[in-house]
Amino acid sequence: ADKVAGTPYYFTSTDKLQLTSAKELNAYDGVEMHRTM
């Protein structure tokens, strides 16, 4: 786990919308995870 980190994808902050999005490509073999909040 220490060899790799999550991948920041997009972050923005406006008056009406705050958003963060990132990927995790290494936690499981053959699985790509991408969360956007």
Full PDB file with SEQRES, HELIX, SHEET, SSBOND, CRYST1, ORIGX, SCALE, CONECT and MASTER records, all heavy atoms in Angstrom:
SEQRES   1 A   37  ALA ASP LYS VAL ALA GLY THR PRO TYR TYR PHE THR SER          
SEQRES   2 A   37  THR ASP LYS LEU GLN LEU THR SER ALA LYS GLU LEU ASN          
SEQRES   3 A   37  ALA TYR ASP GLY VAL GLU MET HIS ARG THR MET                  
SHEET    1 AA1 3 THR A   7  SER A  13  0                                        
SHEET    2 AA1 3 GLN A  18  GLU A  24 -1                                        
SHEET    3 AA1 3 MET A  33  THR A  36 -1                                        
CRYST1    1.000    1.000    1.000  90.00  90.00  90.00 P 1           1          
ORIGX1      1.000000  0.000000  0.000000        0.00000                         
ORIGX2      0.000000  1.000000  0.000000        0.00000                         
ORIGX3      0.000000  0.000000  1.000000        0.00000                         
SCALE1      1.000000  0.000000  0.000000        0.00000                         
SCALE2      0.000000  1.000000  0.000000        0.00000                         
SCALE3      0.000000  0.000000  1.000000        0.00000                         
ATOM      1  N   ALA A   1       0.822  -1.212   0.000  1.00  0.00           N  
ATOM      2  CA  ALA A   1       0.000   0.000   0.000  1.00  0.00           C  
ATOM      3  C   ALA A   1       0.852   1.257   0.000  1.00  0.00           C  
ATOM      4  O   ALA A   1       0.488   2.278  -0.605  1.00  0.00           O  
ATOM      5  CB  ALA A   1      -0.926  -0.009   1.214  1.00  0.00           C  
ATOM      6  N   ASP A   2       2.006   1.217   0.674  1.00  0.00           N  
ATOM      7  CA  ASP A   2       2.869   2.393   0.777  1.00  0.00           C  
ATOM      8  C   ASP A   2       3.578   2.737  -0.538  1.00  0.00           C  
ATOM      9  O   ASP A   2       4.069   3.852  -0.700  1.00  0.00           O  
ATOM     10  CB  ASP A   2       3.915   2.185   1.870  1.00  0.00           C  
ATOM     11  CG  ASP A   2       3.495   2.802   3.197  1.00  0.00           C  
ATOM     12  OD1 ASP A   2       2.685   3.754   3.168  1.00  0.00           O  
ATOM     13  OD2 ASP A   2       3.949   2.330   4.247  1.00  0.00           O  
ATOM     14  N   LYS A   3       3.646   1.775  -1.456  1.00  0.00           N  
ATOM     15  CA  LYS A   3       4.369   2.023  -2.708  1.00  0.00           C  
ATOM     16  C   LYS A   3       3.605   2.938  -3.650  1.00  0.00           C  
ATOM     17  O   LYS A   3       4.196   3.565  -4.528  1.00  0.00           O  
ATOM     18  CB  LYS A   3       4.648   0.686  -3.413  1.00  0.00           C  
ATOM     19  CG  LYS A   3       5.697  -0.173  -2.738  1.00  0.00           C  
ATOM     20  CD  LYS A   3       5.893  -1.480  -3.500  1.00  0.00           C  
ATOM     21  CE  LYS A   3       6.932  -2.364  -2.819  1.00  0.00           C  
ATOM     22  NZ  LYS A   3       7.086  -3.662  -3.532  1.00  0.00           N  
ATOM     23  N   VAL A   4       2.284   3.000  -3.496  1.00  0.00           N  
ATOM     24  CA  VAL A   4       1.456   3.765  -4.424  1.00  0.00           C  
ATOM     25  C   VAL A   4       0.463   4.611  -3.632  1.00  0.00           C  
ATOM     26  O   VAL A   4       0.198   4.347  -2.460  1.00  0.00           O  
ATOM     27  CB  VAL A   4       0.701   2.842  -5.400  1.00  0.00           C  
ATOM     28  CG1 VAL A   4       1.656   2.176  -6.374  1.00  0.00           C  
ATOM     29  CG2 VAL A   4      -0.093   1.788  -4.640  1.00  0.00           C  
ATOM     30  N   ALA A   5      -0.076   5.612  -4.301  1.00  0.00           N  
ATOM     31  CA  ALA A   5      -1.067   6.489  -3.668  1.00  0.00           C  
ATOM     32  C   ALA A   5      -2.308   6.556  -4.539  1.00  0.00           C  
ATOM     33  O   ALA A   5      -2.302   6.134  -5.705  1.00  0.00           O  
ATOM     34  CB  ALA A   5      -0.488   7.889  -3.472  1.00  0.00           C  
ATOM     35  N   GLY A   6      -3.384   7.087  -3.967  1.00  0.00           N  
ATOM     36  CA  GLY A   6      -4.555   7.377  -4.772  1.00  0.00           C  
ATOM     37  C   GLY A   6      -4.222   8.444  -5.802  1.00  0.00           C  
ATOM     38  O   GLY A   6      -3.225   9.160  -5.697  1.00  0.00           O  
ATOM     39  N   THR A   7      -5.071   8.548  -6.809  1.00  0.00           N  
ATOM     40  CA  THR A   7      -4.834   9.484  -7.905  1.00  0.00           C  
ATOM     41  C   THR A   7      -5.869  10.601  -7.883  1.00  0.00           C  
ATOM     42  O   THR A   7      -7.037  10.376  -8.227  1.00  0.00           O  
ATOM     43  CB  THR A   7      -4.901   8.761  -9.261  1.00  0.00           C  
ATOM     44  OG1 THR A   7      -3.971   7.677  -9.268  1.00  0.00           O  
ATOM     45  CG2 THR A   7      -4.586   9.713 -10.405  1.00  0.00           C  
ATOM     46  N   PRO A   8      -5.491  11.802  -7.460  1.00  0.00           N  
ATOM     47  CA  PRO A   8      -6.440  12.919  -7.531  1.00  0.00           C  
ATOM     48  C   PRO A   8      -6.872  13.146  -8.977  1.00  0.00           C  
ATOM     49  O   PRO A   8      -6.044  13.123  -9.894  1.00  0.00           O  
ATOM     50  CB  PRO A   8      -5.625  14.110  -7.009  1.00  0.00           C  
ATOM     51  CG  PRO A   8      -4.517  13.507  -6.207  1.00  0.00           C  
ATOM     52  CD  PRO A   8      -4.197  12.209  -6.881  1.00  0.00           C  
ATOM     53  N   TYR A   9      -8.163  13.329  -9.168  1.00  0.00           N  
ATOM     54  CA  TYR A   9      -8.666  13.517 -10.534  1.00  0.00           C  
ATOM     55  C   TYR A   9      -9.153  14.952 -10.763  1.00  0.00           C  
ATOM     56  O   TYR A   9      -8.706  15.618 -11.692  1.00  0.00           O  
ATOM     57  CB  TYR A   9      -9.797  12.524 -10.806  1.00  0.00           C  
ATOM     58  CG  TYR A   9     -10.376  12.648 -12.195  1.00  0.00           C  
ATOM     59  CD1 TYR A   9      -9.647  12.234 -13.309  1.00  0.00           C  
ATOM     60  CD2 TYR A   9     -11.649  13.191 -12.400  1.00  0.00           C  
ATOM     61  CE1 TYR A   9     -10.173  12.363 -14.598  1.00  0.00           C  
ATOM     62  CE2 TYR A   9     -12.178  13.318 -13.678  1.00  0.00           C  
ATOM     63  CZ  TYR A   9     -11.447  12.905 -14.765  1.00  0.00           C  
ATOM     64  OH  TYR A   9     -11.959  13.040 -16.044  1.00  0.00           O  
ATOM     65  N   TYR A  10     -10.034  15.427  -9.894  1.00  0.00           N  
ATOM     66  CA  TYR A  10     -10.572  16.770 -10.121  1.00  0.00           C  
ATOM     67  C   TYR A  10     -11.086  17.320  -8.798  1.00  0.00           C  
ATOM     68  O   TYR A  10     -11.668  16.601  -7.990  1.00  0.00           O  
ATOM     69  CB  TYR A  10     -11.703  16.723 -11.145  1.00  0.00           C  
ATOM     70  CG  TYR A  10     -12.217  18.081 -11.564  1.00  0.00           C  
ATOM     71  CD1 TYR A  10     -11.453  18.907 -12.390  1.00  0.00           C  
ATOM     72  CD2 TYR A  10     -13.460  18.539 -11.145  1.00  0.00           C  
ATOM     73  CE1 TYR A  10     -11.910  20.156 -12.775  1.00  0.00           C  
ATOM     74  CE2 TYR A  10     -13.935  19.778 -11.532  1.00  0.00           C  
ATOM     75  CZ  TYR A  10     -13.154  20.591 -12.339  1.00  0.00           C  
ATOM     76  OH  TYR A  10     -13.614  21.828 -12.721  1.00  0.00           O  
ATOM     77  N   PHE A  11     -10.851  18.617  -8.586  1.00  0.00           N  
ATOM     78  CA  PHE A  11     -11.332  19.296  -7.389  1.00  0.00           C  
ATOM     79  C   PHE A  11     -11.771  20.692  -7.787  1.00  0.00           C  
ATOM     80  O   PHE A  11     -11.078  21.391  -8.529  1.00  0.00           O  
ATOM     81  CB  PHE A  11     -10.225  19.383  -6.338  1.00  0.00           C  
ATOM     82  CG  PHE A  11     -10.678  19.976  -5.023  1.00  0.00           C  
ATOM     83  CD1 PHE A  11     -11.129  19.157  -3.998  1.00  0.00           C  
ATOM     84  CD2 PHE A  11     -10.662  21.351  -4.813  1.00  0.00           C  
ATOM     85  CE1 PHE A  11     -11.554  19.687  -2.788  1.00  0.00           C  
ATOM     86  CE2 PHE A  11     -11.091  21.898  -3.616  1.00  0.00           C  
ATOM     87  CZ  PHE A  11     -11.541  21.053  -2.601  1.00  0.00           C  
ATOM     88  N   THR A  12     -12.934  21.102  -7.292  1.00  0.00           N  
ATOM     89  CA  THR A  12     -13.396  22.462  -7.574  1.00  0.00           C  
ATOM     90  C   THR A  12     -14.275  22.949  -6.430  1.00  0.00           C  
ATOM     91  O   THR A  12     -14.895  22.148  -5.717  1.00  0.00           O  
ATOM     92  CB  THR A  12     -14.187  22.533  -8.901  1.00  0.00           C  
ATOM     93  OG1 THR A  12     -14.425  23.912  -9.241  1.00  0.00           O  
ATOM     94  CG2 THR A  12     -15.516  21.816  -8.804  1.00  0.00           C  
ATOM     95  N   SER A  13     -14.308  24.251  -6.255  1.00  0.00           N  
ATOM     96  CA  SER A  13     -15.135  24.867  -5.230  1.00  0.00           C  
ATOM     97  C   SER A  13     -15.739  26.142  -5.799  1.00  0.00           C  
ATOM     98  O   SER A  13     -15.013  27.079  -6.146  1.00  0.00           O  
ATOM     99  CB  SER A  13     -14.294  25.184  -3.985  1.00  0.00           C  
ATOM    100  OG  SER A  13     -15.055  25.859  -3.016  1.00  0.00           O  
ATOM    101  N   THR A  14     -17.065  26.167  -5.924  1.00  0.00           N  
ATOM    102  CA  THR A  14     -17.783  27.342  -6.410  1.00  0.00           C  
ATOM    103  C   THR A  14     -18.824  27.740  -5.370  1.00  0.00           C  
ATOM    104  O   THR A  14     -18.964  27.103  -4.320  1.00  0.00           O  
ATOM    105  CB  THR A  14     -18.462  27.049  -7.757  1.00  0.00           C  
ATOM    106  OG1 THR A  14     -19.530  26.101  -7.555  1.00  0.00           O  
ATOM    107  CG2 THR A  14     -17.474  26.472  -8.766  1.00  0.00           C  
ATOM    108  N   ASP A  15     -19.576  28.786  -5.661  1.00  0.00           N  
ATOM    109  CA  ASP A  15     -20.570  29.261  -4.704  1.00  0.00           C  
ATOM    110  C   ASP A  15     -21.639  28.220  -4.409  1.00  0.00           C  
ATOM    111  O   ASP A  15     -22.130  28.112  -3.283  1.00  0.00           O  
ATOM    112  CB  ASP A  15     -21.237  30.537  -5.224  1.00  0.00           C  
ATOM    113  CG  ASP A  15     -20.304  31.737  -5.199  1.00  0.00           C  
ATOM    114  OD1 ASP A  15     -19.295  31.665  -4.463  1.00  0.00           O  
ATOM    115  OD2 ASP A  15     -20.569  32.715  -5.908  1.00  0.00           O  
ATOM    116  N   LYS A  16     -22.030  27.437  -5.406  1.00  0.00           N  
ATOM    117  CA  LYS A  16     -23.146  26.503  -5.258  1.00  0.00           C  
ATOM    118  C   LYS A  16     -22.739  25.035  -5.277  1.00  0.00           C  
ATOM    119  O   LYS A  16     -23.572  24.168  -4.993  1.00  0.00           O  
ATOM    120  CB  LYS A  16     -24.166  26.743  -6.387  1.00  0.00           C  
ATOM    121  CG  LYS A  16     -24.905  28.065  -6.301  1.00  0.00           C  
ATOM    122  CD  LYS A  16     -25.871  28.093  -5.115  1.00  0.00           C  
ATOM    123  CE  LYS A  16     -26.716  29.360  -5.100  1.00  0.00           C  
ATOM    124  NZ  LYS A  16     -27.673  29.373  -3.966  1.00  0.00           N  
ATOM    125  N   LEU A  17     -21.487  24.735  -5.631  1.00  0.00           N  
ATOM    126  CA  LEU A  17     -21.077  23.343  -5.768  1.00  0.00           C  
ATOM    127  C   LEU A  17     -19.629  23.170  -5.360  1.00  0.00           C  
ATOM    128  O   LEU A  17     -18.753  23.897  -5.815  1.00  0.00           O  
ATOM    129  CB  LEU A  17     -21.303  22.864  -7.210  1.00  0.00           C  
ATOM    130  CG  LEU A  17     -21.013  21.388  -7.515  1.00  0.00           C  
ATOM    131  CD1 LEU A  17     -21.987  20.850  -8.558  1.00  0.00           C  
ATOM    132  CD2 LEU A  17     -19.581  21.194  -8.023  1.00  0.00           C  
ATOM    133  N   GLN A  18     -19.391  22.206  -4.465  1.00  0.00           N  
ATOM    134  CA  GLN A  18     -18.038  21.805  -4.082  1.00  0.00           C  
ATOM    135  C   GLN A  18     -17.871  20.353  -4.542  1.00  0.00           C  
ATOM    136  O   GLN A  18     -18.776  19.539  -4.354  1.00  0.00           O  
ATOM    137  CB  GLN A  18     -17.830  21.870  -2.572  1.00  0.00           C  
ATOM    138  CG  GLN A  18     -18.628  22.928  -1.848  1.00  0.00           C  
ATOM    139  CD  GLN A  18     -18.106  24.319  -2.109  1.00  0.00           C  
ATOM    140  OE1 GLN A  18     -16.911  24.532  -2.138  1.00  0.00           O  
ATOM    141  NE2 GLN A  18     -19.011  25.274  -2.299  1.00  0.00           N  
ATOM    142  N   LEU A  19     -16.715  20.013  -5.118  1.00  0.00           N  
ATOM    143  CA  LEU A  19     -16.577  18.674  -5.702  1.00  0.00           C  
ATOM    144  C   LEU A  19     -15.155  18.170  -5.554  1.00  0.00           C  
ATOM    145  O   LEU A  19     -14.189  18.911  -5.766  1.00  0.00           O  
ATOM    146  CB  LEU A  19     -16.976  18.707  -7.181  1.00  0.00           C  
ATOM    147  CG  LEU A  19     -17.014  17.398  -7.968  1.00  0.00           C  
ATOM    148  CD1 LEU A  19     -18.071  17.461  -9.063  1.00  0.00           C  
ATOM    149  CD2 LEU A  19     -15.665  17.048  -8.593  1.00  0.00           C  
ATOM    150  N   THR A  20     -15.030  16.893  -5.198  1.00  0.00           N  
ATOM    151  CA  THR A  20     -13.738  16.221  -5.201  1.00  0.00           C  
ATOM    152  C   THR A  20     -13.899  14.867  -5.871  1.00  0.00           C  
ATOM    153  O   THR A  20     -14.924  14.196  -5.710  1.00  0.00           O  
ATOM    154  CB  THR A  20     -13.165  16.070  -3.780  1.00  0.00           C  
ATOM    155  OG1 THR A  20     -11.842  15.539  -3.855  1.00  0.00           O  
ATOM    156  CG2 THR A  20     -14.015  15.167  -2.910  1.00  0.00           C  
ATOM    157  N   SER A  21     -12.889  14.472  -6.641  1.00  0.00           N  
ATOM    158  CA  SER A  21     -12.968  13.232  -7.409  1.00  0.00           C  
ATOM    159  C   SER A  21     -11.577  12.616  -7.483  1.00  0.00           C  
ATOM    160  O   SER A  21     -10.583  13.319  -7.675  1.00  0.00           O  
ATOM    161  CB  SER A  21     -13.500  13.519  -8.829  1.00  0.00           C  
ATOM    162  OG  SER A  21     -13.596  12.332  -9.588  1.00  0.00           O  
ATOM    163  N   ALA A  22     -11.497  11.299  -7.303  1.00  0.00           N  
ATOM    164  CA  ALA A  22     -10.203  10.625  -7.302  1.00  0.00           C  
ATOM    165  C   ALA A  22     -10.360   9.180  -7.756  1.00  0.00           C  
ATOM    166  O   ALA A  22     -11.447   8.596  -7.693  1.00  0.00           O  
ATOM    167  CB  ALA A  22      -9.573  10.673  -5.912  1.00  0.00           C  
ATOM    168  N   LYS A  23      -9.234   8.598  -8.193  1.00  0.00           N  
ATOM    169  CA  LYS A  23      -9.207   7.213  -8.641  1.00  0.00           C  
ATOM    170  C   LYS A  23      -8.302   6.385  -7.732  1.00  0.00           C  
ATOM    171  O   LYS A  23      -7.342   6.896  -7.163  1.00  0.00           O  
ATOM    172  CB  LYS A  23      -8.690   7.123 -10.078  1.00  0.00           C  
ATOM    173  CG  LYS A  23      -9.551   7.826 -11.112  1.00  0.00           C  
ATOM    174  CD  LYS A  23      -9.012   7.596 -12.524  1.00  0.00           C  
ATOM    175  CE  LYS A  23      -9.878   8.288 -13.566  1.00  0.00           C  
ATOM    176  NZ  LYS A  23      -9.439   7.981 -14.950  1.00  0.00           N  
ATOM    177  N   GLU A  24      -8.610   5.096  -7.657  1.00  0.00           N  
ATOM    178  CA  GLU A  24      -7.743   4.114  -7.010  1.00  0.00           C  
ATOM    179  C   GLU A  24      -7.597   2.933  -7.974  1.00  0.00           C  
ATOM    180  O   GLU A  24      -8.572   2.225  -8.254  1.00  0.00           O  
ATOM    181  CB  GLU A  24      -8.316   3.666  -5.675  1.00  0.00           C  
ATOM    182  CG  GLU A  24      -7.515   2.570  -4.997  1.00  0.00           C  
ATOM    183  CD  GLU A  24      -6.028   2.867  -4.930  1.00  0.00           C  
ATOM    184  OE1 GLU A  24      -5.657   3.960  -4.448  1.00  0.00           O  
ATOM    185  OE2 GLU A  24      -5.235   2.020  -5.384  1.00  0.00           O  
ATOM    186  N   LEU A  25      -6.381   2.751  -8.483  1.00  0.00           N  
ATOM    187  CA  LEU A  25      -6.127   1.778  -9.540  1.00  0.00           C  
ATOM    188  C   LEU A  25      -5.292   0.596  -9.074  1.00  0.00           C  
ATOM    189  O   LEU A  25      -5.012  -0.308  -9.877  1.00  0.00           O  
ATOM    190  CB  LEU A  25      -5.426   2.467 -10.722  1.00  0.00           C  
ATOM    191  CG  LEU A  25      -6.090   3.750 -11.243  1.00  0.00           C  
ATOM    192  CD1 LEU A  25      -5.249   4.373 -12.349  1.00  0.00           C  
ATOM    193  CD2 LEU A  25      -7.500   3.463 -11.744  1.00  0.00           C  
ATOM    194  N   ASN A  26      -4.880   0.597  -7.816  1.00  0.00           N  
ATOM    195  CA  ASN A  26      -3.921  -0.402  -7.348  1.00  0.00           C  
ATOM    196  C   ASN A  26      -4.381  -1.257  -6.179  1.00  0.00           C  
ATOM    197  O   ASN A  26      -3.711  -2.230  -5.833  1.00  0.00           O  
ATOM    198  CB  ASN A  26      -2.618   0.300  -6.933  1.00  0.00           C  
ATOM    199  CG  ASN A  26      -2.004   1.091  -8.075  1.00  0.00           C  
ATOM    200  OD1 ASN A  26      -1.516   0.521  -9.037  1.00  0.00           O  
ATOM    201  ND2 ASN A  26      -2.046   2.421  -7.970  1.00  0.00           N  
ATOM    202  N   ALA A  27      -5.500  -0.927  -5.555  1.00  0.00           N  
ATOM    203  CA  ALA A  27      -5.920  -1.652  -4.349  1.00  0.00           C  
ATOM    204  C   ALA A  27      -6.251  -3.103  -4.632  1.00  0.00           C  
ATOM    205  O   ALA A  27      -6.032  -3.982  -3.790  1.00  0.00           O  
ATOM    206  CB  ALA A  27      -7.120  -0.953  -3.711  1.00  0.00           C  
ATOM    207  N   TYR A  28      -6.795  -3.383  -5.839  1.00  0.00           N  
ATOM    208  CA  TYR A  28      -7.120  -4.744  -6.261  1.00  0.00           C  
ATOM    209  C   TYR A  28      -6.631  -4.954  -7.691  1.00  0.00           C  
ATOM    210  O   TYR A  28      -6.772  -4.057  -8.542  1.00  0.00           O  
ATOM    211  CB  TYR A  28      -8.638  -4.985  -6.219  1.00  0.00           C  
ATOM    212  CG  TYR A  28      -9.276  -4.823  -4.871  1.00  0.00           C  
ATOM    213  CD1 TYR A  28     -10.056  -3.696  -4.586  1.00  0.00           C  
ATOM    214  CD2 TYR A  28      -9.134  -5.793  -3.891  1.00  0.00           C  
ATOM    215  CE1 TYR A  28     -10.666  -3.544  -3.353  1.00  0.00           C  
ATOM    216  CE2 TYR A  28      -9.744  -5.654  -2.644  1.00  0.00           C  
ATOM    217  CZ  TYR A  28     -10.511  -4.523  -2.384  1.00  0.00           C  
ATOM    218  OH  TYR A  28     -11.098  -4.372  -1.160  1.00  0.00           O  
ATOM    219  N   ASP A  29      -6.110  -6.118  -7.964  1.00  0.00           N  
ATOM    220  CA  ASP A  29      -5.683  -6.441  -9.328  1.00  0.00           C  
ATOM    221  C   ASP A  29      -6.898  -6.465 -10.252  1.00  0.00           C  
ATOM    222  O   ASP A  29      -7.915  -7.109  -9.966  1.00  0.00           O  
ATOM    223  CB  ASP A  29      -4.990  -7.810  -9.371  1.00  0.00           C  
ATOM    224  CG  ASP A  29      -3.636  -7.805  -8.681  1.00  0.00           C  
ATOM    225  OD1 ASP A  29      -3.075  -6.702  -8.518  1.00  0.00           O  
ATOM    226  OD2 ASP A  29      -3.167  -8.889  -8.291  1.00  0.00           O  
ATOM    227  N   GLY A  30      -6.774  -5.749 -11.376  1.00  0.00           N  
ATOM    228  CA  GLY A  30      -7.825  -5.769 -12.376  1.00  0.00           C  
ATOM    229  C   GLY A  30      -9.064  -4.981 -12.037  1.00  0.00           C  
ATOM    230  O   GLY A  30     -10.100  -5.124 -12.699  1.00  0.00           O  
ATOM    231  N   VAL A  31      -9.002  -4.154 -10.994  1.00  0.00           N  
ATOM    232  CA  VAL A  31     -10.164  -3.359 -10.583  1.00  0.00           C  
ATOM    233  C   VAL A  31      -9.783  -1.884 -10.576  1.00  0.00           C  
ATOM    234  O   VAL A  31      -8.783  -1.492  -9.971  1.00  0.00           O  
ATOM    235  CB  VAL A  31     -10.657  -3.767  -9.180  1.00  0.00           C  
ATOM    236  CG1 VAL A  31     -11.845  -2.902  -8.752  1.00  0.00           C  
ATOM    237  CG2 VAL A  31     -11.033  -5.244  -9.148  1.00  0.00           C  
ATOM    238  N   GLU A  32     -10.583  -1.068 -11.263  1.00  0.00           N  
ATOM    239  CA  GLU A  32     -10.393   0.382 -11.268  1.00  0.00           C  
ATOM    240  C   GLU A  32     -11.561   1.027 -10.536  1.00  0.00           C  
ATOM    241  O   GLU A  32     -12.718   0.806 -10.894  1.00  0.00           O  
ATOM    242  CB  GLU A  32     -10.297   0.916 -12.696  1.00  0.00           C  
ATOM    243  CG  GLU A  32      -9.101   0.400 -13.468  1.00  0.00           C  
ATOM    244  CD  GLU A  32      -8.989   1.008 -14.853  1.00  0.00           C  
ATOM    245  OE1 GLU A  32      -9.810   1.907 -15.176  1.00  0.00           O  
ATOM    246  OE2 GLU A  32      -8.088   0.592 -15.606  1.00  0.00           O  
ATOM    247  N   MET A  33     -11.252   1.820  -9.518  1.00  0.00           N  
ATOM    248  CA  MET A  33     -12.279   2.491  -8.727  1.00  0.00           C  
ATOM    249  C   MET A  33     -12.146   4.004  -8.902  1.00  0.00           C  
ATOM    250  O   MET A  33     -11.036   4.533  -8.918  1.00  0.00           O  
ATOM    251  CB  MET A  33     -12.150   2.121  -7.247  1.00  0.00           C  
ATOM    252  CG  MET A  33     -12.247   0.629  -6.970  1.00  0.00           C  
ATOM    253  SD  MET A  33     -12.306   0.208  -5.196  1.00  0.00           S  
ATOM    254  CE  MET A  33     -10.652   0.687  -4.672  1.00  0.00           C  
ATOM    255  N   HIS A  34     -13.271   4.666  -9.024  1.00  0.00           N  
ATOM    256  CA  HIS A  34     -13.281   6.121  -9.203  1.00  0.00           C  
ATOM    257  C   HIS A  34     -14.472   6.673  -8.427  1.00  0.00           C  
ATOM    258  O   HIS A  34     -15.624   6.350  -8.725  1.00  0.00           O  
ATOM    259  CB  HIS A  34     -13.412   6.459 -10.694  1.00  0.00           C  
ATOM    260  CG  HIS A  34     -13.215   7.909 -10.993  1.00  0.00           C  
ATOM    261  ND1 HIS A  34     -12.973   8.379 -12.275  1.00  0.00           N  
ATOM    262  CD2 HIS A  34     -13.211   9.017 -10.208  1.00  0.00           C  
ATOM    263  CE1 HIS A  34     -12.833   9.693 -12.249  1.00  0.00           C  
ATOM    264  NE2 HIS A  34     -12.991  10.100 -11.001  1.00  0.00           N  
ATOM    265  N   ARG A  35     -14.176   7.495  -7.424  1.00  0.00           N  
ATOM    266  CA  ARG A  35     -15.248   8.080  -6.609  1.00  0.00           C  
ATOM    267  C   ARG A  35     -15.308   9.582  -6.813  1.00  0.00           C  
ATOM    268  O   ARG A  35     -14.274  10.259  -6.799  1.00  0.00           O  
ATOM    269  CB  ARG A  35     -15.043   7.778  -5.127  1.00  0.00           C  
ATOM    270  CG  ARG A  35     -16.258   8.095  -4.264  1.00  0.00           C  
ATOM    271  CD  ARG A  35     -16.120   7.580  -2.847  1.00  0.00           C  
ATOM    272  NE  ARG A  35     -17.427   7.243  -2.276  1.00  0.00           N  
ATOM    273  CZ  ARG A  35     -17.611   6.531  -1.184  1.00  0.00           C  
ATOM    274  NH1 ARG A  35     -16.561   6.062  -0.518  1.00  0.00           N  
ATOM    275  NH2 ARG A  35     -18.826   6.257  -0.733  1.00  0.00           N  
ATOM    276  N   THR A  36     -16.517  10.071  -6.983  1.00  0.00           N  
ATOM    277  CA  THR A  36     -16.758  11.508  -7.136  1.00  0.00           C  
ATOM    278  C   THR A  36     -17.809  11.925  -6.120  1.00  0.00           C  
ATOM    279  O   THR A  36     -18.895  11.330  -6.060  1.00  0.00           O  
ATOM    280  CB  THR A  36     -17.248  11.833  -8.559  1.00  0.00           C  
ATOM    281  OG1 THR A  36     -16.258  11.418  -9.507  1.00  0.00           O  
ATOM    282  CG2 THR A  36     -17.527  13.318  -8.717  1.00  0.00           C  
ATOM    283  N   MET A  37     -17.480  12.919  -5.300  1.00  0.00           N  
ATOM    284  CA  MET A  37     -18.414  13.416  -4.304  1.00  0.00           C  
ATOM    285  C   MET A  37     -18.607  14.915  -4.497  1.00  0.00           C  
ATOM    286  O   MET A  37     -17.633  15.654  -4.673  1.00  0.00           O  
ATOM    287  CB  MET A  37     -17.914  13.118  -2.889  1.00  0.00           C  
ATOM    288  CG  MET A  37     -17.685  11.636  -2.626  1.00  0.00           C  
ATOM    289  SD  MET A  37     -17.575  11.227  -0.873  1.00  0.00           S  
ATOM    290  CE  MET A  37     -19.305  11.398  -0.387  1.00  0.00           C  
TER     291      MET A  37                                                      
MASTER        0    0    0    0    3    0    0    6  290    1    0    3          
END                                                                             
